[in-house]
Amino acid sequence: MTYVITQNCCKDASCVSACPVDCIRPSATDGSPGTQMLFIDPETCIDCGACADECPVDAVYSEFDLPEGMERFLDINAEYFRHNPLEPAMIMPMTRPPAVDRGALRVAIVGAGPAACYAAAELLGVDGVEVELFERLPTPFGLIRAGVAPDHQRTKSVVKIFEGAFGNARFGCYLNVEIGQAITHADLLANHHAVIYAVGASSSRDLGIPGDRLPGHHAAADFVGWYNGHPDHAAREFDLSGRRAVIIGNGNVALDVARMLLLDTDALTGTDIAEHALAALAGSEIEEVVILGRRGPRDGAFSLGEFHALGHLPGIDVVIDGGDTESRPDDDVETRLKLDIAREFAERTPTPGNKRIVFRFDSSPTEFVGEDGVTGLRVARTGTDESTVIETSLVLRSIGYRGSPVAGLPYDEATGTVPHENGKVIGADGAAVPGVYVTGWIKRGPRGVIGTNRGCAEETVAQLIADFDRGALHREVGDRAALRGLLAQRGVDAVDWKGWRAIDAAERKRGAEVTRPRVKFIDIEEMVTTARG
């Protein structure tokens, strides 16, 4: 028997180090940072189950326990190793830096998404280091809470790996605190030896085509925040009265949005989707979602697992419109498998009465059509003069995120990131900015999956510890009591980790009453009141 890694893989790589026979690839050392998932070699696997026990998102199953619709992953895992024979990886033994005196290294982390959480957990692994995390919302976990689709509850369970670290006495949590308002970058430096910014990339890229300001055109990120109950987006409204919606872009976010628009209400009732979104989607008239890709299936930004899973959605057909689905000798395994699945979708006969997801490849949007609101989207076929208008009243652009400038830090306008060297912030003069670091999307740009942030954070923390070891961070700073005094003086109403656990418990209790994982609070005042007990 072998174990199999399936769709929900977060590429955290916890399983890689847990495997006693080193049969999981790509590892962090084999130069494959772009892969969307990991694979287990069926010939080497010894059926010990260590990987399944370690997996934070429950994406690993024995071959005999694969859920319905995931059986193909047995072949997918084997196919990877047919083209990439297993060779011993040069895995370096894990070593922890030596302990430091309590208070000798105090680090502030701005943000509470996966990048911030991985950085905090890595730092807390060094005895003596004090870590204090700041987040403007009263809830932690960033896009794990507000970005992962509601029907991917297993993926959200990655947060359990942080619970032990965040119960540490050396960890301080200050939620509902926006840096740059009552508390500034200078305040953080005055009370910490180092500051790590893990603020993500919250802005959506613009299309820049005629009519893109018409009502009916939205960023997909706004729609995601709406159905996930993010306080910034909960009050938004989307026109779901038309028969068709169009999504520009074909990454995993686009696939998430397409599912949310078409899934039967019963399939969403058992998730943590926001109540207002559940009610609105129950009355939706949308029957077809067109996903536009500028290039062909080979260059689709979606992951193999997410693409494959679309073919198992009840009552929903997947249609392939355009694009070359034939593989080439130089295609890697994941690309080849994506093309195989695309051909299979193309060969299926649609079922009368089913809803549809239509992948329209080799197509570029050129103009929004309409006077007072969107009534259509003009689309050009790549490499031709041909253009058509797709009738729709709802267009969601999913063409990527962009980081915003951070007060007090240098900023690269071209990339939407903070300039750095392996996480150490570099100023306009080319010199390192003392004590300031970045991790996550604000460091590397908006790419990678949840687990990608683990390696990113480890690199940044390694730089920080090296700077500490060589004396670059040694200076007098305020201690935790001084920080709390400053917060009180400024009137900052911070929510601590105990307060978040109260919010979490209340949401789960509300969910249990209606047989759902949780019913989220969407109002900040209500969250803070709940945190106070």
Protein backbone atom coordinates (compact mmCIF):
# COMPACT_ATOMS: atom_id res chain seq x y z
CA MET A 1 0.00 0.00 0.00
CA THR A 2 1.12 3.53 -0.68
CA TYR A 3 0.03 6.95 0.54
CA VAL A 4 -1.17 9.57 -1.93
CA ILE A 5 -1.05 13.37 -1.84
CA THR A 6 -4.25 14.94 -3.19
CA GLN A 7 -5.82 18.22 -4.20
CA ASN A 8 -5.60 20.14 -0.92
CA CYS A 9 -1.78 20.03 -0.79
CA CYS A 10 -0.56 23.35 0.64
CA LYS A 11 3.14 22.68 -0.09
CA ASP A 12 3.94 23.40 3.54
CA ALA A 13 6.42 20.48 3.15
CA SER A 14 5.90 19.25 6.71
CA CYS A 15 5.47 15.79 5.20
CA VAL A 16 8.86 15.91 3.45
CA SER A 17 10.85 15.99 6.68
CA ALA A 18 8.47 13.50 8.34
CA CYS A 19 9.02 10.80 5.70
CA PRO A 20 11.56 8.23 7.02
CA VAL A 21 12.47 6.97 3.52
CA ASP A 22 12.67 10.40 1.80
CA CYS A 23 10.16 9.56 -0.95
CA ILE A 24 8.27 12.87 -1.25
CA ARG A 25 9.12 15.35 -4.00
CA PRO A 26 9.73 18.06 -4.98
CA SER A 27 11.69 18.74 -1.81
CA ALA A 28 12.94 22.18 -0.89
CA THR A 29 16.38 21.28 -2.23
CA ASP A 30 15.61 20.10 -5.77
CA GLY A 31 15.01 23.45 -7.45
CA SER A 32 11.26 23.15 -8.02
CA PRO A 33 9.78 26.10 -6.12
CA GLY A 34 6.97 26.65 -8.62
CA THR A 35 5.15 23.36 -8.18
CA GLN A 36 1.62 23.55 -6.84
CA MET A 37 1.70 20.25 -4.94
CA LEU A 38 3.93 17.45 -3.69
CA PHE A 39 4.03 13.79 -4.74
CA ILE A 40 4.79 10.43 -3.04
CA ASP A 41 6.76 7.73 -4.86
CA PRO A 42 4.58 4.57 -4.69
CA GLU A 43 7.57 2.29 -5.20
CA THR A 44 9.47 3.62 -2.18
CA CYS A 45 6.62 4.41 0.22
CA ILE A 46 6.68 1.99 3.19
CA ASP A 47 3.09 2.62 4.32
CA CYS A 48 4.09 4.10 7.67
CA GLY A 49 1.56 6.94 7.57
CA ALA A 50 3.98 9.54 8.96
CA CYS A 51 3.16 11.94 6.14
CA ALA A 52 -0.59 11.64 6.73
CA ASP A 53 -0.11 12.28 10.46
CA GLU A 54 2.04 15.35 9.77
CA CYS A 55 -0.06 16.91 6.98
CA PRO A 56 -1.69 20.10 8.33
CA VAL A 57 -4.49 20.12 5.73
CA ASP A 58 -5.41 16.41 5.60
CA ALA A 59 -4.40 16.07 1.94
CA VAL A 60 -2.69 12.67 2.35
CA TYR A 61 -4.63 9.39 2.14
CA SER A 62 -3.81 5.73 1.84
CA GLU A 63 -4.55 4.45 -1.66
CA PHE A 64 -7.49 2.43 -0.29
CA ASP A 65 -9.08 5.40 1.45
CA LEU A 66 -9.10 7.92 -1.40
CA PRO A 67 -12.37 9.89 -1.40
CA GLU A 68 -14.64 9.65 -4.41
CA GLY A 69 -13.33 11.83 -7.22
CA MET A 70 -9.73 11.71 -6.02
CA GLU A 71 -8.83 8.23 -7.27
CA ARG A 72 -6.86 9.71 -10.13
CA PHE A 73 -4.30 11.16 -7.74
CA LEU A 74 -2.89 7.64 -7.32
CA ASP A 75 -1.87 7.76 -10.99
CA ILE A 76 -0.82 11.39 -10.77
CA ASN A 77 1.65 10.66 -7.96
CA ALA A 78 3.07 7.66 -9.83
CA GLU A 79 3.27 9.62 -13.10
CA TYR A 80 5.46 12.27 -11.49
CA PHE A 81 8.10 9.68 -10.57
CA ARG A 82 7.97 7.96 -13.96
CA HIS A 83 9.40 11.18 -15.38
CA ASN A 84 11.40 12.19 -12.29
CA PRO A 85 12.98 9.00 -10.88
CA LEU A 86 13.57 9.24 -7.16
CA GLU A 87 17.10 10.18 -6.19
CA PRO A 88 18.36 10.86 -2.67
CA ALA A 89 17.78 14.48 -1.76
CA MET A 90 20.56 16.51 -0.17
CA ILE A 91 18.55 17.18 2.97
CA MET A 92 20.47 19.17 5.52
CA PRO A 93 19.91 18.20 9.15
CA MET A 94 17.67 20.67 10.95
CA THR A 95 19.52 22.77 13.47
CA ARG A 96 18.14 25.42 15.76
CA PRO A 97 20.11 28.55 16.65
CA PRO A 98 21.31 28.59 20.25
CA ALA A 99 19.04 30.06 22.89
CA VAL A 100 19.21 33.76 23.70
CA ASP A 101 18.61 35.52 26.99
CA ARG A 102 14.94 36.35 27.49
CA GLY A 103 14.42 39.88 26.17
CA ALA A 104 17.74 40.04 24.29
CA LEU A 105 15.86 39.67 20.98
CA ARG A 106 12.37 41.09 20.67
CA VAL A 107 10.72 40.91 17.23
CA ALA A 108 7.52 42.58 16.03
CA ILE A 109 5.62 41.03 13.13
CA VAL A 110 3.10 43.16 11.23
CA GLY A 111 0.32 41.06 9.73
CA ALA A 112 -1.31 37.81 10.80
CA GLY A 113 -1.63 35.82 7.58
CA PRO A 114 0.24 32.60 6.81
CA ALA A 115 3.54 34.40 6.11
CA ALA A 116 3.39 36.16 9.47
CA CYS A 117 2.36 33.01 11.32
CA TYR A 118 5.15 30.91 9.83
CA ALA A 119 7.67 33.62 10.74
CA ALA A 120 6.36 33.78 14.31
CA ALA A 121 6.49 30.00 14.72
CA GLU A 122 10.04 29.90 13.33
CA LEU A 123 11.23 32.61 15.71
CA LEU A 124 9.54 31.02 18.72
CA GLY A 125 11.55 27.87 17.98
CA VAL A 126 14.58 29.80 19.24
CA ASP A 127 14.53 29.72 23.03
CA GLY A 128 14.42 33.17 24.59
CA VAL A 129 13.18 35.13 21.54
CA GLU A 130 10.09 37.24 22.25
CA VAL A 131 7.62 37.71 19.38
CA GLU A 132 4.77 40.20 19.21
CA LEU A 133 2.30 40.08 16.34
CA PHE A 134 0.19 43.03 15.17
CA GLU A 135 -2.88 42.84 12.94
CA ARG A 136 -5.44 45.52 12.06
CA LEU A 137 -8.40 43.11 12.20
CA PRO A 138 -9.57 41.43 15.43
CA THR A 139 -9.03 38.03 13.75
CA PRO A 140 -5.81 36.33 12.64
CA PHE A 141 -4.82 34.12 9.68
CA GLY A 142 -5.35 36.56 6.78
CA LEU A 143 -6.19 34.81 3.52
CA ILE A 144 -6.54 31.43 5.24
CA ARG A 145 -9.66 32.85 6.89
CA ALA A 146 -10.75 35.35 4.24
CA GLY A 147 -9.30 33.99 0.99
CA VAL A 148 -9.57 30.20 0.95
CA ALA A 149 -12.89 29.13 -0.60
CA PRO A 150 -15.54 27.97 1.90
CA ASP A 151 -15.80 24.53 0.29
CA HIS A 152 -12.09 23.94 1.05
CA GLN A 153 -12.44 23.47 4.81
CA ARG A 154 -9.51 21.03 4.92
CA THR A 155 -7.20 23.70 3.52
CA LYS A 156 -8.22 26.10 6.27
CA SER A 157 -7.17 23.54 8.88
CA VAL A 158 -3.52 24.48 8.28
CA VAL A 159 -3.96 26.99 11.13
CA LYS A 160 -3.78 24.17 13.67
CA ILE A 161 0.01 24.00 13.24
CA PHE A 162 0.31 27.49 14.77
CA GLU A 163 -1.78 26.86 17.88
CA GLY A 164 1.05 25.40 19.95
CA ALA A 165 3.47 28.19 19.14
CA PHE A 166 0.92 30.91 19.84
CA GLY A 167 0.20 29.55 23.28
CA ASN A 168 3.84 30.22 24.17
CA ALA A 169 4.44 32.72 26.99
CA ARG A 170 7.00 34.44 24.75
CA PHE A 171 4.31 35.24 22.17
CA GLY A 172 2.31 38.45 22.38
CA CYS A 173 -0.72 39.04 20.18
CA TYR A 174 -2.15 42.48 19.40
CA LEU A 175 -5.10 42.12 17.05
CA ASN A 176 -7.32 45.08 16.14
CA VAL A 177 -4.18 47.26 15.98
CA GLU A 178 -3.38 49.05 12.72
CA ILE A 179 0.27 50.02 12.40
CA GLY A 180 0.56 53.52 11.00
CA GLN A 181 -2.36 54.87 13.00
CA ALA A 182 -2.04 55.13 16.79
CA ILE A 183 1.09 52.95 16.67
CA THR A 184 3.79 53.74 14.10
CA HIS A 185 6.77 52.03 12.51
CA ALA A 186 9.02 54.14 14.76
CA ASP A 187 7.11 52.91 17.83
CA LEU A 188 7.71 49.32 16.81
CA LEU A 189 11.44 49.92 16.42
CA ALA A 190 11.57 51.65 19.79
CA ASN A 191 10.15 48.55 21.48
CA HIS A 192 11.68 45.76 19.38
CA HIS A 193 15.11 44.89 18.07
CA ALA A 194 13.62 43.94 14.69
CA VAL A 195 10.37 44.27 12.75
CA ILE A 196 9.14 41.84 10.09
CA TYR A 197 6.47 43.10 7.73
CA ALA A 198 4.16 40.38 6.41
CA VAL A 199 1.38 42.62 5.12
CA GLY A 200 0.64 40.73 1.90
CA ALA A 201 -0.57 42.24 -1.35
CA SER A 202 -4.13 43.44 -0.91
CA SER A 203 -4.67 45.55 -4.04
CA SER A 204 -6.04 44.04 -7.25
CA ARG A 205 -4.32 44.74 -10.54
CA ASP A 206 -6.25 46.88 -13.01
CA LEU A 207 -7.18 45.93 -16.57
CA GLY A 208 -6.86 49.38 -18.12
CA ILE A 209 -9.32 48.81 -20.98
CA PRO A 210 -12.26 51.01 -22.06
CA GLY A 211 -15.30 50.80 -19.84
CA ASP A 212 -13.55 49.19 -16.89
CA ARG A 213 -15.20 51.64 -14.48
CA LEU A 214 -18.72 50.53 -15.39
CA PRO A 215 -20.88 49.07 -12.61
CA GLY A 216 -20.93 45.30 -12.88
CA HIS A 217 -17.14 45.00 -13.15
CA HIS A 218 -15.40 44.07 -9.89
CA ALA A 219 -12.15 42.65 -8.62
CA ALA A 220 -12.50 38.94 -7.91
CA ALA A 221 -10.72 39.61 -4.60
CA ASP A 222 -13.67 41.78 -3.53
CA PHE A 223 -16.06 38.93 -4.34
CA VAL A 224 -13.87 36.48 -2.40
CA GLY A 225 -13.82 38.82 0.60
CA TRP A 226 -17.61 39.18 0.33
CA TYR A 227 -18.42 35.49 0.41
CA ASN A 228 -15.81 34.86 3.12
CA GLY A 229 -17.22 37.56 5.40
CA HIS A 230 -14.22 39.92 5.43
CA PRO A 231 -15.32 43.10 7.25
CA ASP A 232 -13.96 45.30 4.45
CA HIS A 233 -16.13 43.57 1.83
CA ALA A 234 -19.19 42.21 3.62
CA ALA A 235 -21.39 45.16 2.59
CA ARG A 236 -20.60 44.89 -1.14
CA GLU A 237 -23.32 44.00 -3.63
CA PHE A 238 -23.03 41.90 -6.79
CA ASP A 239 -25.59 41.51 -9.56
CA LEU A 240 -26.44 37.81 -9.70
CA SER A 241 -29.58 38.26 -11.78
CA GLY A 242 -28.00 37.46 -15.16
CA ARG A 243 -27.57 34.02 -16.69
CA ARG A 244 -23.82 34.37 -17.27
CA ALA A 245 -20.79 35.68 -15.37
CA VAL A 246 -17.33 36.20 -16.85
CA ILE A 247 -14.05 35.85 -14.95
CA ILE A 248 -10.93 37.37 -16.48
CA GLY A 249 -7.93 35.25 -15.52
CA ASN A 250 -7.66 31.53 -14.87
CA GLY A 251 -5.73 31.02 -11.65
CA ASN A 252 -7.03 29.14 -8.61
CA VAL A 253 -8.91 32.21 -7.38
CA ALA A 254 -10.86 32.25 -10.66
CA LEU A 255 -11.73 28.58 -10.19
CA ASP A 256 -12.82 29.23 -6.59
CA VAL A 257 -15.10 32.06 -7.70
CA ALA A 258 -16.59 29.96 -10.49
CA ARG A 259 -17.46 27.19 -8.04
CA MET A 260 -19.04 29.60 -5.58
CA LEU A 261 -21.22 31.07 -8.34
CA LEU A 262 -22.47 27.68 -9.52
CA LEU A 263 -22.49 25.27 -6.57
CA ASP A 264 -25.87 24.18 -5.30
CA THR A 265 -26.93 25.95 -2.11
CA ASP A 266 -26.97 22.62 -0.25
CA ALA A 267 -23.26 22.19 -1.03
CA LEU A 268 -22.50 25.59 0.53
CA THR A 269 -24.74 25.27 3.58
CA GLY A 270 -22.25 22.97 5.29
CA THR A 271 -19.35 25.45 4.89
CA ASP A 272 -18.31 28.64 6.67
CA ILE A 273 -19.48 30.91 3.83
CA ALA A 274 -20.82 34.23 5.14
CA GLU A 275 -24.56 34.17 5.77
CA HIS A 276 -25.27 37.18 3.55
CA ALA A 277 -23.43 35.51 0.67
CA LEU A 278 -25.25 32.22 1.20
CA ALA A 279 -28.59 34.00 1.01
CA ALA A 280 -27.60 35.98 -2.10
CA LEU A 281 -26.22 32.93 -3.93
CA ALA A 282 -29.37 30.95 -3.10
CA GLY A 283 -31.29 33.43 -5.26
CA SER A 284 -28.67 33.63 -8.03
CA GLU A 285 -29.78 33.17 -11.66
CA ILE A 286 -26.26 32.46 -12.95
CA GLU A 287 -26.06 29.22 -14.94
CA GLU A 288 -22.78 29.69 -16.80
CA VAL A 289 -19.37 31.06 -15.83
CA VAL A 290 -16.89 31.85 -18.62
CA ILE A 291 -13.23 31.84 -17.53
CA LEU A 292 -10.98 33.77 -19.90
CA GLY A 293 -7.31 32.95 -20.45
CA ARG A 294 -5.06 35.05 -22.68
CA ARG A 295 -3.05 31.97 -23.61
CA GLY A 296 -3.76 28.26 -23.95
CA PRO A 297 -4.33 25.47 -21.41
CA ARG A 298 -0.57 24.81 -21.21
CA ASP A 299 -0.13 28.21 -19.60
CA GLY A 300 -3.20 28.03 -17.37
CA ALA A 301 -2.42 29.51 -13.96
CA PHE A 302 -4.68 27.04 -12.16
CA SER A 303 -3.16 24.13 -10.27
CA LEU A 304 -3.48 20.55 -11.43
CA GLY A 305 -5.51 19.48 -8.41
CA GLU A 306 -8.02 22.33 -8.61
CA PHE A 307 -8.51 21.86 -12.36
CA HIS A 308 -9.06 18.12 -11.98
CA ALA A 309 -11.58 18.63 -9.16
CA LEU A 310 -13.88 20.72 -11.38
CA GLY A 311 -14.73 17.59 -13.31
CA HIS A 312 -16.37 16.07 -10.24
CA LEU A 313 -18.75 18.90 -9.32
CA PRO A 314 -22.33 17.59 -9.31
CA GLY A 315 -24.61 19.21 -11.86
CA ILE A 316 -21.80 21.24 -13.46
CA ASP A 317 -20.19 20.57 -16.86
CA VAL A 318 -16.70 21.78 -17.79
CA VAL A 319 -16.38 23.01 -21.38
CA ILE A 320 -13.08 23.73 -23.16
CA ASP A 321 -13.28 26.43 -25.83
CA GLY A 322 -10.10 26.91 -27.87
CA GLY A 323 -6.47 26.34 -27.08
CA ASP A 324 -4.02 23.60 -27.97
CA THR A 325 -4.33 20.64 -25.60
CA GLU A 326 -1.57 18.49 -27.13
CA SER A 327 1.50 17.98 -24.97
CA ARG A 328 5.08 18.60 -26.08
CA PRO A 329 8.23 16.63 -25.32
CA ASP A 330 9.57 19.41 -23.08
CA ASP A 331 6.39 19.75 -20.97
CA ASP A 332 6.84 18.91 -17.31
CA VAL A 333 4.65 16.32 -15.59
CA GLU A 334 2.13 18.75 -14.15
CA THR A 335 1.69 20.54 -17.48
CA ARG A 336 1.26 17.25 -19.30
CA LEU A 337 -1.37 16.11 -16.81
CA LYS A 338 -3.23 19.44 -17.05
CA LEU A 339 -3.40 19.01 -20.83
CA ASP A 340 -4.61 15.42 -20.45
CA ILE A 341 -7.44 16.60 -18.20
CA ALA A 342 -8.30 19.47 -20.56
CA ARG A 343 -8.63 16.98 -23.46
CA GLU A 344 -10.85 14.77 -21.35
CA PHE A 345 -13.09 17.71 -20.50
CA ALA A 346 -13.24 18.67 -24.19
CA GLU A 347 -14.35 15.16 -25.18
CA ARG A 348 -17.24 15.02 -22.73
CA THR A 349 -20.80 15.53 -23.91
CA PRO A 350 -22.55 18.25 -21.86
CA THR A 351 -25.57 17.11 -19.87
CA PRO A 352 -28.81 18.96 -20.68
CA GLY A 353 -29.89 21.08 -17.74
CA ASN A 354 -26.45 21.23 -16.14
CA LYS A 355 -24.72 24.48 -15.26
CA ARG A 356 -21.45 25.14 -17.09
CA ILE A 357 -17.91 26.35 -16.50
CA VAL A 358 -16.50 27.38 -19.89
CA PHE A 359 -12.73 27.79 -20.22
CA ARG A 360 -12.26 30.16 -23.15
CA PHE A 361 -8.55 30.09 -23.97
CA ASP A 362 -6.51 32.32 -26.31
CA SER A 363 -8.89 35.16 -25.51
CA SER A 364 -8.16 38.71 -24.33
CA PRO A 365 -10.68 41.27 -23.05
CA THR A 366 -10.56 44.53 -25.03
CA GLU A 367 -13.59 46.54 -23.97
CA PHE A 368 -16.52 46.59 -21.56
CA VAL A 369 -19.83 47.13 -23.31
CA GLY A 370 -22.68 49.10 -21.77
CA GLU A 371 -23.91 52.58 -20.87
CA ASP A 372 -25.00 52.65 -17.22
CA GLY A 373 -23.59 49.23 -16.40
CA VAL A 374 -21.88 46.24 -17.96
CA THR A 375 -23.99 44.42 -20.56
CA GLY A 376 -21.15 42.59 -22.26
CA LEU A 377 -17.41 42.11 -22.64
CA ARG A 378 -15.67 42.34 -26.00
CA VAL A 379 -13.06 39.61 -26.36
CA ALA A 380 -10.39 39.18 -29.06
CA ARG A 381 -8.98 35.85 -30.14
CA THR A 382 -5.22 35.77 -29.71
CA GLY A 383 -3.34 36.16 -32.99
CA THR A 384 -6.42 37.05 -35.06
CA ASP A 385 -8.59 40.04 -35.89
CA GLU A 386 -11.63 38.16 -34.65
CA SER A 387 -13.56 39.62 -31.73
CA THR A 388 -16.90 38.83 -30.16
CA VAL A 389 -19.04 40.24 -27.37
CA ILE A 390 -19.91 37.94 -24.49
CA GLU A 391 -23.22 39.05 -23.03
CA THR A 392 -23.00 39.39 -19.26
CA SER A 393 -23.86 41.78 -16.43
CA LEU A 394 -21.15 40.54 -14.07
CA VAL A 395 -17.43 40.55 -14.82
CA LEU A 396 -14.83 39.70 -12.19
CA ARG A 397 -11.16 40.32 -12.89
CA SER A 398 -8.77 37.80 -11.36
CA ILE A 399 -5.47 38.92 -12.84
CA GLY A 400 -3.38 39.06 -9.71
CA TYR A 401 -2.72 41.10 -6.60
CA ARG A 402 -0.34 43.94 -5.95
CA GLY A 403 1.36 45.10 -2.78
CA SER A 404 0.87 48.64 -1.47
CA PRO A 405 3.53 51.00 -0.05
CA VAL A 406 4.28 50.56 3.66
CA ALA A 407 4.86 53.75 5.62
CA GLY A 408 8.52 54.08 6.58
CA LEU A 409 9.76 51.43 4.11
CA PRO A 410 11.19 51.69 0.59
CA TYR A 411 8.87 50.50 -2.19
CA ASP A 412 9.39 49.20 -5.71
CA GLU A 413 6.58 50.61 -7.84
CA ALA A 414 7.31 48.26 -10.73
CA THR A 415 6.93 45.06 -8.71
CA GLY A 416 4.64 46.22 -5.92
CA THR A 417 7.06 44.85 -3.33
CA VAL A 418 9.56 46.09 -0.74
CA PRO A 419 13.17 45.83 -2.00
CA HIS A 420 15.13 43.26 -0.04
CA GLU A 421 17.95 40.74 -0.01
CA ASN A 422 16.71 37.39 1.26
CA GLY A 423 14.17 39.21 3.40
CA LYS A 424 16.41 41.99 4.69
CA VAL A 425 14.98 45.36 3.56
CA ILE A 426 17.28 47.40 1.32
CA GLY A 427 16.99 51.18 1.13
CA ALA A 428 17.27 53.48 -1.89
CA ASP A 429 21.00 53.87 -1.19
CA GLY A 430 21.53 50.12 -1.56
CA ALA A 431 22.27 49.64 2.14
CA ALA A 432 20.30 47.41 4.48
CA VAL A 433 17.69 49.18 6.63
CA PRO A 434 18.69 48.24 10.20
CA GLY A 435 16.31 45.88 11.92
CA VAL A 436 13.63 45.78 9.19
CA TYR A 437 12.62 42.65 7.27
CA VAL A 438 9.84 41.36 5.01
CA THR A 439 8.23 38.02 4.26
CA GLY A 440 5.30 36.77 2.19
CA TRP A 441 3.77 38.52 -0.81
CA ILE A 442 5.13 41.97 0.11
CA LYS A 443 8.56 40.33 -0.19
CA ARG A 444 8.29 38.03 -3.21
CA GLY A 445 5.14 39.20 -4.99
CA PRO A 446 1.72 37.48 -5.11
CA ARG A 447 2.68 33.96 -6.06
CA GLY A 448 2.81 30.55 -4.44
CA VAL A 449 0.41 28.61 -2.25
CA ILE A 450 -0.08 28.73 1.52
CA GLY A 451 2.85 26.47 2.28
CA THR A 452 5.20 28.53 0.08
CA ASN A 453 5.22 31.04 2.93
CA ARG A 454 6.99 28.57 5.19
CA GLY A 455 10.25 28.55 3.24
CA CYS A 456 9.91 32.28 2.61
CA ALA A 457 9.60 32.95 6.35
CA GLU A 458 12.48 30.61 7.20
CA GLU A 459 14.75 32.54 4.84
CA THR A 460 13.80 35.88 6.41
CA VAL A 461 14.18 34.60 9.97
CA ALA A 462 17.58 33.12 9.11
CA GLN A 463 18.72 36.58 7.96
CA LEU A 464 17.38 38.17 11.12
CA ILE A 465 19.10 35.64 13.40
CA ALA A 466 22.37 36.07 11.48
CA ASP A 467 22.15 39.83 11.98
CA PHE A 468 21.53 39.30 15.69
CA ASP A 469 24.48 36.93 15.99
CA ARG A 470 26.85 39.46 14.44
CA GLY A 471 25.64 42.20 16.79
CA ALA A 472 23.70 44.27 14.24
CA LEU A 473 20.50 44.21 16.34
CA HIS A 474 21.99 44.85 19.77
CA ARG A 475 20.45 48.02 21.23
CA GLU A 476 18.24 49.11 24.10
CA VAL A 477 14.52 48.79 23.41
CA GLY A 478 11.34 48.83 25.48
CA ASP A 479 10.15 45.57 27.00
CA ARG A 480 6.65 44.05 26.84
CA ALA A 481 5.43 46.13 29.79
CA ALA A 482 6.62 49.31 28.07
CA LEU A 483 4.80 48.32 24.90
CA ARG A 484 1.56 47.65 26.75
CA GLY A 485 1.89 50.98 28.50
CA LEU A 486 2.30 52.74 25.16
CA LEU A 487 -0.77 50.99 23.75
CA ALA A 488 -2.82 52.03 26.78
CA GLN A 489 -1.55 55.60 26.54
CA ARG A 490 -2.58 55.80 22.88
CA GLY A 491 -6.01 54.33 23.59
CA VAL A 492 -5.43 51.24 21.45
CA ASP A 493 -8.12 48.60 22.03
CA ALA A 494 -6.07 45.50 21.25
CA VAL A 495 -7.49 41.97 21.15
CA ASP A 496 -5.10 39.33 22.50
CA TRP A 497 -4.88 35.62 21.67
CA LYS A 498 -7.36 34.78 24.43
CA GLY A 499 -9.75 37.28 22.86
CA TRP A 500 -9.39 35.64 19.45
CA ARG A 501 -10.09 32.24 20.98
CA ALA A 502 -13.30 33.69 22.43
CA ILE A 503 -14.30 34.92 18.95
CA ASP A 504 -13.40 31.56 17.47
CA ALA A 505 -15.42 29.66 20.08
CA ALA A 506 -18.45 31.91 19.59
CA GLU A 507 -18.36 31.47 15.83
CA ARG A 508 -18.11 27.71 16.17
CA LYS A 509 -20.98 27.68 18.68
CA ARG A 510 -23.15 29.68 16.28
CA GLY A 511 -22.21 27.25 13.54
CA ALA A 512 -23.04 24.17 15.60
CA GLU A 513 -26.55 25.51 16.11
CA VAL A 514 -27.18 25.34 12.35
CA THR A 515 -24.88 22.37 11.53
CA ARG A 516 -22.10 24.45 10.00
CA PRO A 517 -18.35 24.67 10.85
CA ARG A 518 -18.82 28.24 12.05
CA VAL A 519 -20.94 31.31 11.45
CA LYS A 520 -18.56 34.22 11.14
CA PHE A 521 -18.85 37.65 12.67
CA ILE A 522 -18.54 40.30 9.98
CA ASP A 523 -18.79 43.40 12.18
CA ILE A 524 -15.61 44.53 13.93
CA GLU A 525 -17.40 45.99 16.96
CA GLU A 526 -19.23 42.71 17.45
CA MET A 527 -15.92 40.84 17.24
CA VAL A 528 -14.30 43.08 19.86
CA THR A 529 -17.30 42.80 22.17
CA THR A 530 -17.17 39.01 21.89
CA ALA A 531 -13.43 39.02 22.59
CA ARG A 532 -14.08 40.92 25.80
CA GLY A 533 -16.42 38.12 26.93
